[in-house]
């Protein structure tokens, strides 16, 4: 069982075998100009992605749906979602972004006022500073609590869901509050509502998520088929991306400052974190030169792969040199720190203007 509110998934192979997620590598060859996240295997899995490759090839309308539960600070791992939204927006997709304030209240006890504040200061401003065009006609953002279409749809689809089904998917028990039990229906409604007539009618929808969100995807696909006659819903597609390893070697977390680089970190603090991060280096300089490093276990190499180096050839060369013991961890840390400083300097320089735009959205 996967817990969307607290899962830490590491064994991606076991996950795909157990829940039937297909390899993204099976479809990446059908995509013109795939993103680096796609090419590098960071997006590792998919459900029913052929609908999206067909839409891309044929120029058909489709939507990209994602959401944020504002419960903490935005870290660099969250940038993956922004990068995917930007790519789909450039491909002509409608973008729907839900601020899950109702879920945050039910699951974490965070008030709607605090949710709005976190969403604005930690997420939306950074989304804009990272280059997402929120002023485009194809961009839609909303608070769950303020979207009657989503709330009404959640109520309607709840008619065909039983508590037994919710318990088997999410592990709910007698101690789970009813509001929390209701939140998956809001997630389903978030994903399906772009297909309502008000938003252009039935269309393919892609939902880029981490694998911990797959229970929502499976429930949504099931309910889409059950309401096909009434609404014409098409079962949504999904992609699954890997979690970033934290700087301490565990999962990167919004609640653990030592594990994460926050987008609001000062450049001094961020580069200090990078230079003290856990690497794939050996215990001694002698072993490093003789055995080589282990880049696949290195949070610094991962930082370069996910966010900081655009050139595939440059990354390949760095990995080979690391494996051969020709490059030391200090060199990689300094390189990552410089690139990270450049990235954050660019983001921070756009923050004031991004705040003005963000405040208008909400």
Protein backbone atom coordinates (compact mmCIF):
# COMPACT_ATOMS: atom_id res chain seq x y z
CA UNK A 1 0.00 0.00 0.00
CA UNK A 2 1.25 3.51 -0.87
CA UNK A 3 0.56 6.43 1.47
CA UNK A 4 0.24 9.67 -0.56
CA UNK A 5 0.64 11.74 2.62
CA UNK A 6 3.76 10.15 4.04
CA UNK A 7 5.30 7.60 1.71
CA UNK A 8 9.03 7.38 1.03
CA UNK A 9 9.52 5.18 -2.02
CA UNK A 10 12.95 3.97 -3.04
CA UNK A 11 12.48 0.65 -4.89
CA UNK A 12 11.08 1.91 -8.19
CA UNK A 13 11.36 -1.49 -9.91
CA UNK A 14 9.27 -3.17 -7.21
CA UNK A 15 6.76 -0.34 -7.39
CA UNK A 16 6.26 -0.69 -11.14
CA UNK A 17 5.92 -4.46 -10.94
CA UNK A 18 3.46 -4.38 -8.05
CA UNK A 19 1.16 -1.64 -9.35
CA UNK A 20 1.54 -2.04 -13.10
CA UNK A 21 3.22 1.27 -13.90
CA UNK A 22 4.80 1.07 -17.38
CA UNK A 23 8.33 2.23 -18.19
CA UNK A 24 8.51 5.73 -19.63
CA UNK A 25 11.39 4.55 -21.79
CA UNK A 26 8.82 2.62 -23.83
CA UNK A 27 7.31 5.86 -25.16
CA UNK A 28 10.09 8.46 -25.01
CA UNK A 29 11.15 7.61 -28.58
CA UNK A 30 7.75 8.75 -29.84
CA UNK A 31 8.16 12.26 -28.41
CA UNK A 32 9.61 15.02 -30.53
CA UNK A 33 12.11 17.07 -28.52
CA UNK A 34 11.68 15.28 -25.16
CA UNK A 35 12.69 17.18 -22.04
CA UNK A 36 15.91 16.35 -20.20
CA UNK A 37 13.85 14.84 -17.38
CA UNK A 38 12.41 12.43 -19.93
CA UNK A 39 15.70 11.64 -21.65
CA UNK A 40 17.63 11.09 -18.43
CA UNK A 41 15.16 8.63 -16.91
CA UNK A 42 14.13 10.99 -14.12
CA UNK A 43 10.60 10.52 -15.42
CA UNK A 44 10.69 6.74 -15.13
CA UNK A 45 7.09 5.55 -15.38
CA UNK A 46 3.78 6.21 -17.08
CA UNK A 47 0.17 5.20 -17.32
CA UNK A 48 -1.54 5.40 -20.70
CA UNK A 49 0.87 8.00 -22.11
CA UNK A 50 0.06 7.08 -25.73
CA UNK A 51 -2.95 9.41 -25.50
CA UNK A 52 -0.51 12.27 -24.92
CA UNK A 53 1.96 11.27 -27.64
CA UNK A 54 -1.00 11.08 -30.04
CA UNK A 55 -2.21 14.53 -28.96
CA UNK A 56 1.30 15.96 -29.41
CA UNK A 57 1.66 14.42 -32.87
CA UNK A 58 -1.81 15.39 -34.07
CA UNK A 59 -2.00 18.84 -32.49
CA UNK A 60 -5.07 17.85 -30.46
CA UNK A 61 -6.16 19.77 -27.39
CA UNK A 62 -5.03 18.29 -24.08
CA UNK A 63 -4.54 19.48 -20.54
CA UNK A 64 -1.84 19.12 -17.90
CA UNK A 65 -3.09 18.93 -14.33
CA UNK A 66 -1.06 19.19 -11.14
CA UNK A 67 -1.49 20.45 -7.63
CA UNK A 68 0.35 21.53 -4.54
CA UNK A 69 -0.53 20.89 -0.92
CA UNK A 70 0.97 23.97 0.76
CA UNK A 71 2.34 22.50 3.96
CA UNK A 72 5.98 23.58 3.93
CA UNK A 73 8.79 25.27 2.05
CA UNK A 74 9.45 24.70 -1.63
CA UNK A 75 12.73 22.86 -2.17
CA UNK A 76 14.71 22.26 -5.33
CA UNK A 77 13.17 18.82 -5.78
CA UNK A 78 9.81 20.51 -6.41
CA UNK A 79 11.37 22.29 -9.39
CA UNK A 80 10.83 19.09 -11.39
CA UNK A 81 7.11 19.79 -11.47
CA UNK A 82 7.67 23.34 -12.72
CA UNK A 83 10.02 22.11 -15.44
CA UNK A 84 7.36 19.66 -16.62
CA UNK A 85 4.62 22.29 -16.61
CA UNK A 86 6.82 24.62 -18.65
CA UNK A 87 7.52 21.88 -21.20
CA UNK A 88 3.83 21.01 -21.63
CA UNK A 89 2.85 24.67 -21.78
CA UNK A 90 5.36 25.18 -24.60
CA UNK A 91 3.75 22.22 -26.39
CA UNK A 92 0.38 23.99 -26.31
CA UNK A 93 -1.23 22.22 -23.37
CA UNK A 94 -3.72 23.91 -21.07
CA UNK A 95 -2.25 24.05 -17.57
CA UNK A 96 -4.39 23.51 -14.45
CA UNK A 97 -2.80 24.09 -11.06
CA UNK A 98 -4.74 23.29 -7.88
CA UNK A 99 -3.78 24.73 -4.51
CA UNK A 100 -5.02 21.93 -2.27
CA UNK A 101 -5.96 24.01 0.76
CA UNK A 102 -8.86 21.72 1.68
CA UNK A 103 -6.53 18.72 1.64
CA UNK A 104 -3.93 20.63 3.69
CA UNK A 105 -6.55 21.36 6.34
CA UNK A 106 -7.93 17.80 6.45
CA UNK A 107 -4.57 15.98 6.37
CA UNK A 108 -2.28 18.44 8.17
CA UNK A 109 -4.58 20.84 10.04
CA UNK A 110 -3.31 23.88 8.11
CA UNK A 111 -5.82 26.73 7.92
CA UNK A 112 -6.99 28.16 4.62
CA UNK A 113 -5.31 31.48 5.44
CA UNK A 114 -1.98 29.77 6.11
CA UNK A 115 -2.37 27.61 2.98
CA UNK A 116 -2.87 30.67 0.82
CA UNK A 117 0.15 32.36 2.39
CA UNK A 118 2.40 29.32 1.88
CA UNK A 119 1.15 28.79 -1.66
CA UNK A 120 1.89 32.38 -2.57
CA UNK A 121 5.23 32.91 -0.84
CA UNK A 122 6.79 29.47 -1.23
CA UNK A 123 5.36 28.11 -4.46
CA UNK A 124 3.61 30.45 -6.88
CA UNK A 125 6.25 33.19 -6.69
CA UNK A 126 8.97 30.64 -7.33
CA UNK A 127 6.98 28.99 -10.14
CA UNK A 128 6.83 32.35 -11.87
CA UNK A 129 10.49 33.16 -11.18
CA UNK A 130 11.44 29.78 -12.66
CA UNK A 131 9.72 30.72 -15.91
CA UNK A 132 6.16 29.36 -15.81
CA UNK A 133 3.88 31.72 -17.74
CA UNK A 134 0.95 32.20 -15.38
CA UNK A 135 -0.46 35.09 -17.40
CA UNK A 136 -1.00 32.96 -20.51
CA UNK A 137 -4.55 32.22 -21.63
CA UNK A 138 -3.93 28.50 -21.21
CA UNK A 139 -2.99 28.76 -17.52
CA UNK A 140 -5.58 28.16 -14.79
CA UNK A 141 -4.89 28.32 -11.03
CA UNK A 142 -7.34 28.02 -8.14
CA UNK A 143 -7.80 27.26 -4.47
CA UNK A 144 -9.77 24.03 -3.94
CA UNK A 145 -11.94 25.79 -1.37
CA UNK A 146 -12.90 28.48 -3.90
CA UNK A 147 -13.60 26.24 -6.92
CA UNK A 148 -17.26 25.21 -6.95
CA UNK A 149 -16.77 23.08 -10.08
CA UNK A 150 -14.26 20.90 -8.25
CA UNK A 151 -16.27 20.71 -5.03
CA UNK A 152 -19.52 19.86 -6.87
CA UNK A 153 -17.79 17.21 -8.97
CA UNK A 154 -16.18 15.66 -5.88
CA UNK A 155 -19.62 15.35 -4.30
CA UNK A 156 -21.08 13.76 -7.44
CA UNK A 157 -18.36 11.18 -8.01
CA UNK A 158 -18.48 10.22 -4.32
CA UNK A 159 -21.72 8.43 -5.08
CA UNK A 160 -19.78 5.60 -6.72
CA UNK A 161 -17.08 5.18 -4.07
CA UNK A 162 -17.49 3.11 -0.92
CA UNK A 163 -15.61 3.38 2.35
CA UNK A 164 -14.39 -0.17 1.82
CA UNK A 165 -12.78 0.90 -1.46
CA UNK A 166 -11.17 3.95 0.14
CA UNK A 167 -9.84 1.84 2.99
CA UNK A 168 -8.31 -0.71 0.61
CA UNK A 169 -6.58 2.00 -1.44
CA UNK A 170 -5.44 4.36 1.31
CA UNK A 171 -5.46 2.32 4.50
CA UNK A 172 -8.03 4.54 6.24
CA UNK A 173 -9.27 3.17 9.57
CA UNK A 174 -11.66 4.14 12.34
CA UNK A 175 -9.30 6.85 13.57
CA UNK A 176 -9.22 8.69 10.23
CA UNK A 177 -11.23 11.91 10.23
CA UNK A 178 -14.01 12.14 7.69
CA UNK A 179 -12.56 15.26 6.05
CA UNK A 180 -9.36 13.34 5.30
CA UNK A 181 -11.38 10.46 3.82
CA UNK A 182 -13.08 12.99 1.54
CA UNK A 183 -9.85 14.56 0.21
CA UNK A 184 -9.09 11.87 -2.42
CA UNK A 185 -12.41 12.74 -4.05
CA UNK A 186 -11.22 16.33 -4.31
CA UNK A 187 -8.02 15.07 -5.94
CA UNK A 188 -10.07 13.08 -8.43
CA UNK A 189 -12.24 16.11 -9.15
CA UNK A 190 -9.13 18.26 -9.62
CA UNK A 191 -7.89 15.86 -12.28
CA UNK A 192 -11.22 15.35 -14.06
CA UNK A 193 -12.69 18.85 -14.02
CA UNK A 194 -10.63 20.12 -17.03
CA UNK A 195 -12.87 17.78 -19.08
CA UNK A 196 -16.10 19.49 -18.06
CA UNK A 197 -17.95 21.33 -20.82
CA UNK A 198 -17.10 24.64 -19.16
CA UNK A 199 -13.42 23.96 -19.87
CA UNK A 200 -13.80 22.62 -23.40
CA UNK A 201 -15.23 19.18 -22.81
CA UNK A 202 -13.62 15.73 -22.76
CA UNK A 203 -9.93 15.68 -23.65
CA UNK A 204 -6.75 13.85 -22.78
CA UNK A 205 -5.22 14.95 -19.47
CA UNK A 206 -1.68 14.28 -18.29
CA UNK A 207 -0.88 14.32 -14.56
CA UNK A 208 2.88 14.50 -13.76
CA UNK A 209 3.40 13.22 -10.21
CA UNK A 210 5.72 11.40 -7.87
CA UNK A 211 4.98 7.68 -7.47
CA UNK A 212 3.48 8.25 -4.02
CA UNK A 213 0.49 9.85 -5.77
CA UNK A 214 -0.37 6.77 -7.84
CA UNK A 215 -3.30 5.78 -5.58
CA UNK A 216 -5.03 9.00 -6.65
CA UNK A 217 -4.30 8.22 -10.30
CA UNK A 218 -5.73 4.71 -10.07
CA UNK A 219 -8.88 5.93 -8.30
CA UNK A 220 -9.33 8.72 -10.84
CA UNK A 221 -9.03 6.38 -13.81
CA UNK A 222 -11.56 4.02 -12.24
CA UNK A 223 -14.07 6.80 -11.60
CA UNK A 224 -13.53 8.37 -15.02
CA UNK A 225 -14.69 5.12 -16.61
CA UNK A 226 -17.69 4.89 -14.26
CA UNK A 227 -18.81 8.42 -15.21
CA UNK A 228 -18.00 8.15 -18.91
CA UNK A 229 -21.65 7.86 -19.92
CA UNK A 230 -22.66 10.88 -17.87
CA UNK A 231 -19.72 13.21 -18.57
CA UNK A 232 -17.79 11.61 -21.42
CA UNK A 233 -14.67 11.51 -19.25
CA UNK A 234 -11.50 10.09 -20.79
CA UNK A 235 -9.30 8.18 -18.35
CA UNK A 236 -6.38 10.50 -17.53
CA UNK A 237 -2.75 9.64 -18.23
CA UNK A 238 0.10 10.03 -15.77
CA UNK A 239 3.87 10.16 -15.58
CA UNK A 240 5.94 9.39 -12.51
CA UNK A 241 9.23 11.05 -11.61
CA UNK A 242 11.90 9.95 -9.19
CA UNK A 243 12.31 11.68 -5.86
CA UNK A 244 15.50 13.63 -5.34
CA UNK A 245 17.87 12.24 -2.76
CA UNK A 246 18.32 14.62 0.14
CA UNK A 247 21.68 16.19 0.87
CA UNK A 248 21.96 13.87 3.88
CA UNK A 249 21.36 10.74 1.80
CA UNK A 250 17.67 10.27 2.67
CA UNK A 251 14.65 11.67 0.82
CA UNK A 252 14.69 15.45 0.35
CA UNK A 253 12.07 16.94 2.67
CA UNK A 254 10.43 20.32 3.14
CA UNK A 255 10.50 19.76 6.89
CA UNK A 256 14.22 18.93 7.13
CA UNK A 257 16.40 21.95 6.32
CA UNK A 258 19.57 19.85 6.32
CA UNK A 259 18.22 17.57 3.60
CA UNK A 260 16.98 20.22 1.20
CA UNK A 261 17.96 23.32 -0.72
CA UNK A 262 15.02 25.71 -0.53
CA UNK A 263 14.29 28.13 -3.34
CA UNK A 264 14.18 30.88 -0.72
CA UNK A 265 17.59 29.97 0.76
CA UNK A 266 20.22 32.67 0.53
CA UNK A 267 22.96 31.88 -1.96
CA UNK A 268 25.40 31.65 0.94
CA UNK A 269 23.27 29.09 2.78
CA UNK A 270 22.48 27.08 -0.36
CA UNK A 271 26.09 26.78 -1.49
CA UNK A 272 27.14 25.87 2.06
CA UNK A 273 24.60 23.05 2.03
CA UNK A 274 25.89 21.82 -1.35
CA UNK A 275 29.48 21.80 -0.14
CA UNK A 276 28.58 19.75 2.93
CA UNK A 277 26.28 17.28 1.13
CA UNK A 278 26.75 13.52 1.15
CA UNK A 279 28.50 12.26 -1.99
CA UNK A 280 29.31 8.95 -3.61
CA UNK A 281 32.97 9.30 -2.72
CA UNK A 282 35.10 6.64 -1.07
CA UNK A 283 36.35 6.76 2.50
CA UNK A 284 39.86 7.83 1.52
CA UNK A 285 41.59 9.69 -1.30
CA UNK A 286 43.57 6.53 -2.08
CA UNK A 287 40.40 4.42 -2.47
CA UNK A 288 38.76 7.15 -4.56
CA UNK A 289 41.63 7.10 -7.05
CA UNK A 290 41.89 3.32 -7.11
CA UNK A 291 38.19 2.35 -7.11
CA UNK A 292 36.58 5.48 -8.47
CA UNK A 293 33.53 7.23 -7.06
CA UNK A 294 29.91 6.08 -7.06
CA UNK A 295 27.96 8.84 -8.86
CA UNK A 296 24.69 6.91 -8.73
CA UNK A 297 24.82 7.21 -4.93
CA UNK A 298 25.83 10.87 -4.94
CA UNK A 299 23.41 13.70 -4.08
CA UNK A 300 25.72 16.23 -5.78
CA UNK A 301 25.78 14.32 -9.07
CA UNK A 302 22.01 13.99 -8.82
CA UNK A 303 21.70 17.75 -8.33
CA UNK A 304 23.69 18.27 -11.54
CA UNK A 305 21.61 15.70 -13.47
CA UNK A 306 18.20 16.96 -12.34
CA UNK A 307 18.73 20.70 -12.44
CA UNK A 308 22.11 22.24 -13.06
CA UNK A 309 23.72 20.78 -16.20
CA UNK A 310 21.92 20.93 -19.54
CA UNK A 311 24.56 19.13 -21.61
CA UNK A 312 24.19 15.34 -21.72
CA UNK A 313 27.75 15.03 -23.04
CA UNK A 314 29.12 17.05 -20.13
CA UNK A 315 27.32 14.82 -17.64
CA UNK A 316 28.51 11.66 -19.37
CA UNK A 317 32.10 12.88 -19.25
CA UNK A 318 31.81 13.81 -15.57
CA UNK A 319 30.37 10.41 -14.69
CA UNK A 320 33.12 8.55 -16.54
CA UNK A 321 35.81 10.63 -14.85
CA UNK A 322 34.21 10.01 -11.45
CA UNK A 323 34.04 6.25 -12.03
CA UNK A 324 37.67 6.29 -13.10
CA UNK A 325 38.75 8.15 -9.97
CA UNK A 326 39.91 11.14 -11.99
CA UNK A 327 37.65 13.67 -10.29
CA UNK A 328 37.35 14.22 -6.55
CA UNK A 329 34.25 15.12 -4.56
CA UNK A 330 35.50 18.57 -3.66
CA UNK A 331 35.78 19.48 -7.33
CA UNK A 332 32.20 18.35 -8.00
CA UNK A 333 30.90 20.18 -4.94
CA UNK A 334 32.53 23.42 -6.02
CA UNK A 335 31.14 23.04 -9.54
CA UNK A 336 27.63 22.35 -8.21
CA UNK A 337 27.85 25.26 -5.76
CA UNK A 338 28.77 27.69 -8.56
CA UNK A 339 25.97 26.49 -10.83
CA UNK A 340 23.50 26.53 -7.95
CA UNK A 341 24.49 30.09 -7.07
CA UNK A 342 23.87 31.16 -10.68
CA UNK A 343 20.45 29.50 -10.72
CA UNK A 344 19.33 30.99 -7.41
CA UNK A 345 20.67 34.41 -8.31
CA UNK A 346 18.47 34.34 -11.41
CA UNK A 347 15.42 33.17 -9.42
CA UNK A 348 15.91 35.71 -6.63
CA UNK A 349 16.34 38.56 -9.12
CA UNK A 350 12.83 37.86 -10.43
CA UNK A 351 11.11 37.45 -7.07
CA UNK A 352 9.79 40.99 -6.61
CA UNK A 353 8.17 41.09 -10.03
CA UNK A 354 6.89 37.53 -9.57
CA UNK A 355 5.24 38.53 -6.28
CA UNK A 356 3.26 41.31 -8.01
CA UNK A 357 1.97 38.83 -10.59
CA UNK A 358 1.25 36.13 -8.00
CA UNK A 359 -0.81 38.42 -5.80
CA UNK A 360 -3.10 39.20 -8.73
CA UNK A 361 -3.73 35.48 -9.33
CA UNK A 362 -5.19 34.85 -5.87
